[in-house]
Amino acid sequence: MSSLVRQKSTYSSEGNNCLELAVGLEDAVLLRESDEPFVIVTVSSRVLGGLVRSVQGDVFGR
């Protein structure tokens, strides 16, 4: 997994407290938190996009 190109969230702070994502094989998006680099959550780009749209649209009623 070290050959993956990871993108750091623009909402993350400097240092070892950030969310990173990378695009894997077959439309998989791999998410990890920098202080737990071996814990990786894998979702499809479609599922992640749906979550982002739901949060942006305030579906969860903040």
C-alpha atoms as a PDB file:
ATOM      1  CA  MET A   1       0.000   0.000   0.000  1.00  0.00           C
ATOM      2  CA  SER A   2       2.964   2.335   0.290  1.00  0.00           C
ATOM      3  CA  SER A   3       2.921   2.873  -3.496  1.00  0.00           C
ATOM      4  CA  LEU A   4      -0.496   4.555  -3.325  1.00  0.00           C
ATOM      5  CA  VAL A   5      -0.722   8.310  -3.737  1.00  0.00           C
ATOM      6  CA  ARG A   6      -2.589   9.666  -0.737  1.00  0.00           C
ATOM      7  CA  GLN A   7      -4.473  12.958  -0.528  1.00  0.00           C
ATOM      8  CA  LYS A   8      -4.678  14.701   2.834  1.00  0.00           C
ATOM      9  CA  SER A   9      -7.989  16.298   3.745  1.00  0.00           C
ATOM     10  CA  THR A  10      -7.971  20.081   3.517  1.00  0.00           C
ATOM     11  CA  TYR A  11      -9.797  20.119   6.864  1.00  0.00           C
ATOM     12  CA  SER A  12      -6.932  18.294   8.577  1.00  0.00           C
ATOM     13  CA  SER A  13      -4.458  20.066  10.798  1.00  0.00           C
ATOM     14  CA  GLU A  14      -0.701  19.878  10.435  1.00  0.00           C
ATOM     15  CA  GLY A  15       1.173  17.034  12.063  1.00  0.00           C
ATOM     16  CA  ASN A  16      -0.104  13.562  12.767  1.00  0.00           C
ATOM     17  CA  ASN A  17      -3.820  14.316  12.975  1.00  0.00           C
ATOM     18  CA  CYS A  18      -5.296  14.014   9.517  1.00  0.00           C
ATOM     19  CA  LEU A  19      -7.555  11.976   7.289  1.00  0.00           C
ATOM     20  CA  GLU A  20      -5.982  10.649   4.095  1.00  0.00           C
ATOM     21  CA  LEU A  21      -7.495   8.944   1.084  1.00  0.00           C
ATOM     22  CA  ALA A  22      -6.169   7.083  -1.916  1.00  0.00           C
ATOM     23  CA  VAL A  23      -7.755   5.522  -4.985  1.00  0.00           C
ATOM     24  CA  GLY A  24      -7.197   1.781  -5.198  1.00  0.00           C
ATOM     25  CA  LEU A  25      -8.149  -0.867  -7.718  1.00  0.00           C
ATOM     26  CA  GLU A  26     -11.642  -1.269  -9.167  1.00  0.00           C
ATOM     27  CA  ASP A  27     -13.042   2.087  -8.016  1.00  0.00           C
ATOM     28  CA  ALA A  28     -12.084   1.533  -4.377  1.00  0.00           C
ATOM     29  CA  VAL A  29     -11.341   4.520  -2.147  1.00  0.00           C
ATOM     30  CA  LEU A  30      -9.074   3.785   0.807  1.00  0.00           C
ATOM     31  CA  LEU A  31      -9.402   6.008   3.877  1.00  0.00           C
ATOM     32  CA  ARG A  32      -7.083   6.112   6.864  1.00  0.00           C
ATOM     33  CA  GLU A  33      -6.283   8.343   9.792  1.00  0.00           C
ATOM     34  CA  SER A  34      -2.618   9.300   9.978  1.00  0.00           C
ATOM     35  CA  ASP A  35      -2.162   8.296  13.620  1.00  0.00           C
ATOM     36  CA  GLU A  36      -3.513   4.772  12.831  1.00  0.00           C
ATOM     37  CA  PRO A  37      -1.981   4.151   9.360  1.00  0.00           C
ATOM     38  CA  PHE A  38      -2.639   0.397   9.341  1.00  0.00           C
ATOM     39  CA  VAL A  39      -6.388   0.777   9.913  1.00  0.00           C
ATOM     40  CA  ILE A  40      -7.842   1.335   6.451  1.00  0.00           C
ATOM     41  CA  VAL A  41     -11.510   1.651   5.507  1.00  0.00           C
ATOM     42  CA  THR A  42     -12.313   0.771   1.892  1.00  0.00           C
ATOM     43  CA  VAL A  43     -15.455   2.009   0.126  1.00  0.00           C
ATOM     44  CA  SER A  44     -16.501   2.527  -3.478  1.00  0.00           C
ATOM     45  CA  SER A  45     -16.331   6.047  -4.866  1.00  0.00           C
ATOM     46  CA  ARG A  46     -20.105   5.897  -5.341  1.00  0.00           C
ATOM     47  CA  VAL A  47     -20.740   5.157  -1.661  1.00  0.00           C
ATOM     48  CA  LEU A  48     -18.280   7.813  -0.494  1.00  0.00           C
ATOM     49  CA  GLY A  49     -19.815  10.340  -2.889  1.00  0.00           C
ATOM     50  CA  GLY A  50     -23.272   9.577  -1.489  1.00  0.00           C
ATOM     51  CA  LEU A  51     -22.036  10.131   2.054  1.00  0.00           C
ATOM     52  CA  VAL A  52     -20.407  13.445   1.123  1.00  0.00           C
ATOM     53  CA  ARG A  53     -23.556  14.650  -0.683  1.00  0.00           C
ATOM     54  CA  SER A  54     -25.677  13.654   2.319  1.00  0.00           C
ATOM     55  CA  VAL A  55     -23.461  15.563   4.728  1.00  0.00           C
ATOM     56  CA  GLN A  56     -23.329  18.614   2.452  1.00  0.00           C
ATOM     57  CA  GLY A  57     -27.101  18.542   2.079  1.00  0.00           C
ATOM     58  CA  ASP A  58     -27.574  18.314   5.874  1.00  0.00           C
ATOM     59  CA  VAL A  59     -29.499  15.047   5.550  1.00  0.00           C
ATOM     60  CA  PHE A  60     -28.376  14.078   9.058  1.00  0.00           C
ATOM     61  CA  GLY A  61     -29.934  17.168  10.693  1.00  0.00           C
ATOM     62  CA  ARG A  62     -26.986  18.710  12.436  1.00  0.00           C
END
